[in-house]
C-alpha atoms as a PDB file:
ATOM      1  CA  MET A   1     119.311  47.388  99.520  1.00  0.00           C
ATOM      2  CA  SER A   2     116.924  46.814  96.630  1.00  0.00           C
ATOM      3  CA  THR A   3     113.310  45.782  97.202  1.00  0.00           C
ATOM      4  CA  TYR A   4     113.205  44.231  93.713  1.00  0.00           C
ATOM      5  CA  PRO A   5     113.957  40.555  92.986  1.00  0.00           C
ATOM      6  CA  GLN A   6     117.698  40.163  92.380  1.00  0.00           C
ATOM      7  CA  ASP A   7     117.226  37.384  89.784  1.00  0.00           C
ATOM      8  CA  LEU A   8     115.470  39.750  87.364  1.00  0.00           C
ATOM      9  CA  LEU A   9     116.709  42.484  85.055  1.00  0.00           C
ATOM     10  CA  TYR A  10     114.831  45.751  84.574  1.00  0.00           C
ATOM     11  CA  THR A  11     114.260  48.611  82.141  1.00  0.00           C
ATOM     12  CA  LYS A  12     114.005  52.326  82.793  1.00  0.00           C
ATOM     13  CA  GLU A  13     110.420  52.005  81.463  1.00  0.00           C
ATOM     14  CA  HIS A  14     109.604  49.737  84.451  1.00  0.00           C
ATOM     15  CA  GLU A  15     109.448  46.328  82.778  1.00  0.00           C
ATOM     16  CA  TRP A  16     111.184  43.284  84.262  1.00  0.00           C
ATOM     17  CA  VAL A  17     112.788  40.325  82.492  1.00  0.00           C
ATOM     18  CA  ARG A  18     113.500  36.812  83.771  1.00  0.00           C
ATOM     19  CA  PHE A  19     115.763  34.885  81.401  1.00  0.00           C
ATOM     20  CA  GLU A  20     115.410  31.097  81.249  1.00  0.00           C
ATOM     21  CA  GLY A  21     117.741  29.850  78.539  1.00  0.00           C
ATOM     22  CA  ASN A  22     116.750  31.597  75.304  1.00  0.00           C
ATOM     23  CA  ARG A  23     113.341  32.588  76.662  1.00  0.00           C
ATOM     24  CA  ALA A  24     112.380  35.660  78.629  1.00  0.00           C
ATOM     25  CA  HIS A  25     109.351  36.136  80.877  1.00  0.00           C
ATOM     26  CA  ILE A  26     108.338  39.810  80.879  1.00  0.00           C
ATOM     27  CA  GLY A  27     106.072  41.907  83.075  1.00  0.00           C
ATOM     28  CA  ILE A  28     105.895  45.285  84.773  1.00  0.00           C
ATOM     29  CA  THR A  29     107.455  46.105  88.113  1.00  0.00           C
ATOM     30  CA  SER A  30     105.738  46.624  91.431  1.00  0.00           C
ATOM     31  CA  PHE A  31     106.675  50.311  91.133  1.00  0.00           C
ATOM     32  CA  ALA A  32     104.915  50.574  87.754  1.00  0.00           C
ATOM     33  CA  GLN A  33     101.719  48.914  88.942  1.00  0.00           C
ATOM     34  CA  SER A  34     101.601  51.068  92.086  1.00  0.00           C
ATOM     35  CA  GLU A  35     101.997  54.229  89.988  1.00  0.00           C
ATOM     36  CA  LEU A  36      99.243  53.085  87.613  1.00  0.00           C
ATOM     37  CA  GLY A  37      96.756  52.195  90.336  1.00  0.00           C
ATOM     38  CA  ASP A  38      94.059  49.555  89.893  1.00  0.00           C
ATOM     39  CA  ILE A  39      94.627  47.816  86.555  1.00  0.00           C
ATOM     40  CA  VAL A  40      91.389  47.117  84.711  1.00  0.00           C
ATOM     41  CA  PHE A  41      92.613  45.869  81.307  1.00  0.00           C
ATOM     42  CA  VAL A  42      95.789  44.470  79.748  1.00  0.00           C
ATOM     43  CA  GLU A  43      96.195  44.353  75.964  1.00  0.00           C
ATOM     44  CA  LEU A  44      98.818  41.865  74.828  1.00  0.00           C
ATOM     45  CA  PRO A  45      99.979  40.877  71.330  1.00  0.00           C
ATOM     46  CA  ALA A  46      99.288  37.553  69.643  1.00  0.00           C
ATOM     47  CA  VAL A  47     101.549  34.544  70.076  1.00  0.00           C
ATOM     48  CA  GLY A  48     103.915  34.414  67.110  1.00  0.00           C
ATOM     49  CA  LYS A  49     104.329  38.187  66.820  1.00  0.00           C
ATOM     50  CA  GLU A  50     107.895  39.446  66.452  1.00  0.00           C
ATOM     51  CA  ILE A  51     108.866  42.258  68.810  1.00  0.00           C
ATOM     52  CA  ARG A  52     111.923  44.491  68.735  1.00  0.00           C
ATOM     53  CA  PHE A  53     113.729  46.037  71.659  1.00  0.00           C
ATOM     54  CA  GLY A  54     112.172  49.390  72.594  1.00  0.00           C
ATOM     55  CA  ASP A  55     108.989  48.907  70.546  1.00  0.00           C
ATOM     56  CA  THR A  56     105.547  48.956  72.124  1.00  0.00           C
ATOM     57  CA  PHE A  57     104.154  45.437  72.578  1.00  0.00           C
ATOM     58  CA  GLY A  58     100.901  46.186  74.403  1.00  0.00           C
ATOM     59  CA  THR A  59      99.123  48.441  76.863  1.00  0.00           C
ATOM     60  CA  VAL A  60      98.007  48.441  80.476  1.00  0.00           C
ATOM     61  CA  GLU A  61      94.847  50.353  81.340  1.00  0.00           C
ATOM     62  CA  SER A  62      94.201  51.467  84.889  1.00  0.00           C
ATOM     63  CA  VAL A  63      91.523  53.587  86.490  1.00  0.00           C
ATOM     64  CA  LYS A  64      93.942  56.520  86.073  1.00  0.00           C
ATOM     65  CA  THR A  65      95.525  56.111  82.627  1.00  0.00           C
ATOM     66  CA  VAL A  66      96.614  53.896  79.729  1.00  0.00           C
ATOM     67  CA  SER A  67     100.319  53.090  79.519  1.00  0.00           C
ATOM     68  CA  ASP A  68     102.351  51.470  76.767  1.00  0.00           C
ATOM     69  CA  LEU A  69     104.457  48.376  77.403  1.00  0.00           C
ATOM     70  CA  PHE A  70     107.945  48.448  75.867  1.00  0.00           C
ATOM     71  CA  ALA A  71     109.876  45.385  74.719  1.00  0.00           C
ATOM     72  CA  PRO A  72     113.037  44.864  76.770  1.00  0.00           C
ATOM     73  CA  VAL A  73     114.341  42.257  74.284  1.00  0.00           C
ATOM     74  CA  THR A  74     114.041  41.327  70.605  1.00  0.00           C
ATOM     75  CA  GLY A  75     112.398  38.048  69.606  1.00  0.00           C
ATOM     76  CA  LYS A  76     109.160  36.165  68.981  1.00  0.00           C
ATOM     77  CA  ILE A  77     106.291  35.907  71.459  1.00  0.00           C
ATOM     78  CA  VAL A  78     105.747  32.255  72.370  1.00  0.00           C
ATOM     79  CA  ALA A  79     103.207  32.708  75.197  1.00  0.00           C
ATOM     80  CA  ILE A  80     100.931  35.341  76.686  1.00  0.00           C
ATOM     81  CA  ASN A  81      99.345  35.337  80.124  1.00  0.00           C
ATOM     82  CA  GLU A  82      95.753  34.706  79.067  1.00  0.00           C
ATOM     83  CA  ALA A  83      94.628  34.811  82.723  1.00  0.00           C
ATOM     84  CA  LEU A  84      95.059  38.604  82.596  1.00  0.00           C
ATOM     85  CA  GLN A  85      92.101  38.902  80.196  1.00  0.00           C
ATOM     86  CA  ASP A  86      89.696  37.889  82.960  1.00  0.00           C
ATOM     87  CA  ALA A  87      91.814  38.968  85.935  1.00  0.00           C
ATOM     88  CA  PRO A  88      93.975  42.016  85.080  1.00  0.00           C
ATOM     89  CA  GLU A  89      94.241  42.721  88.815  1.00  0.00           C
ATOM     90  CA  LYS A  90      96.857  39.919  88.995  1.00  0.00           C
ATOM     91  CA  VAL A  91      99.331  42.560  87.768  1.00  0.00           C
ATOM     92  CA  ASN A  92      98.596  44.618  90.908  1.00  0.00           C
ATOM     93  CA  GLU A  93      98.500  41.633  93.240  1.00  0.00           C
ATOM     94  CA  ASP A  94     101.596  39.747  92.033  1.00  0.00           C
ATOM     95  CA  PRO A  95     103.532  41.735  89.395  1.00  0.00           C
ATOM     96  CA  PHE A  96     106.624  39.479  89.550  1.00  0.00           C
ATOM     97  CA  GLY A  97     104.658  36.199  89.611  1.00  0.00           C
ATOM     98  CA  GLU A  98     101.108  35.566  88.373  1.00  0.00           C
ATOM     99  CA  GLY A  99     101.059  39.040  86.822  1.00  0.00           C
ATOM    100  CA  TRP A 100     103.647  38.166  84.152  1.00  0.00           C
ATOM    101  CA  MET A 101     102.615  39.265  80.658  1.00  0.00           C
ATOM    102  CA  ILE A 102     104.502  37.561  77.839  1.00  0.00           C
ATOM    103  CA  VAL A 103     107.211  34.990  77.129  1.00  0.00           C
ATOM    104  CA  VAL A 104     109.594  35.753  74.272  1.00  0.00           C
ATOM    105  CA  GLU A 105     111.978  33.454  72.422  1.00  0.00           C
ATOM    106  CA  VAL A 106     114.898  35.856  72.460  1.00  0.00           C
ATOM    107  CA  THR A 107     117.078  36.638  69.449  1.00  0.00           C
ATOM    108  CA  ASP A 108     118.796  39.651  71.055  1.00  0.00           C
ATOM    109  CA  LYS A 109     118.917  40.176  74.823  1.00  0.00           C
ATOM    110  CA  HIS A 110     120.055  43.825  74.749  1.00  0.00           C
ATOM    111  CA  GLU A 111     121.673  43.131  78.092  1.00  0.00           C
ATOM    112  CA  ALA A 112     123.668  46.357  77.978  1.00  0.00           C
ATOM    113  CA  GLU A 113     120.341  48.227  78.179  1.00  0.00           C
ATOM    114  CA  LEU A 114     118.978  46.216  81.110  1.00  0.00           C
ATOM    115  CA  LEU A 115     119.465  47.134  84.752  1.00  0.00           C
ATOM    116  CA  THR A 116     120.256  45.080  87.835  1.00  0.00           C
ATOM    117  CA  ALA A 117     117.802  45.271  90.734  1.00  0.00           C
ATOM    118  CA  ASP A 118     120.037  47.756  92.551  1.00  0.00           C
ATOM    119  CA  ALA A 119     120.452  49.968  89.464  1.00  0.00           C
ATOM    120  CA  TYR A 120     116.674  49.882  88.895  1.00  0.00           C
ATOM    121  CA  GLN A 121     116.110  50.883  92.536  1.00  0.00           C
ATOM    122  CA  GLU A 122     118.241  53.966  91.856  1.00  0.00           C
ATOM    123  CA  VAL A 123     116.022  54.849  88.861  1.00  0.00           C
ATOM    124  CA  VAL A 124     112.913  54.536  91.036  1.00  0.00           C
ATOM    125  CA  ASN A 125     114.484  56.694  93.747  1.00  0.00           C
ATOM    126  CA  GLU A 126     115.199  59.577  91.337  1.00  0.00           C
END
């Protein structure tokens, strides 16, 4: 049984995606934030920027390290979670909710590359 929300899709790089029509909310998983430790800074791209599947779209800085964020879809950023500028700890506290990072208007979902919650759980267990 997976401990990850079943309504999301996941990447092997530990991002999650929630599709709503042609838009995708994107963040990092609870596993990713726990591995990073206390998050102290999140760098996100500007609204309007085009991102391509697999490309870096930002970084997360923790007390331990800096990690790249990888785009799980292709499209244009239509919103960023500006609350993370003043409260990056929201990613630790609520990675699947208030800790979301960007919203993308999707032009290619790359669904074949995305994992179900159960498949992602298997990746985490490896």
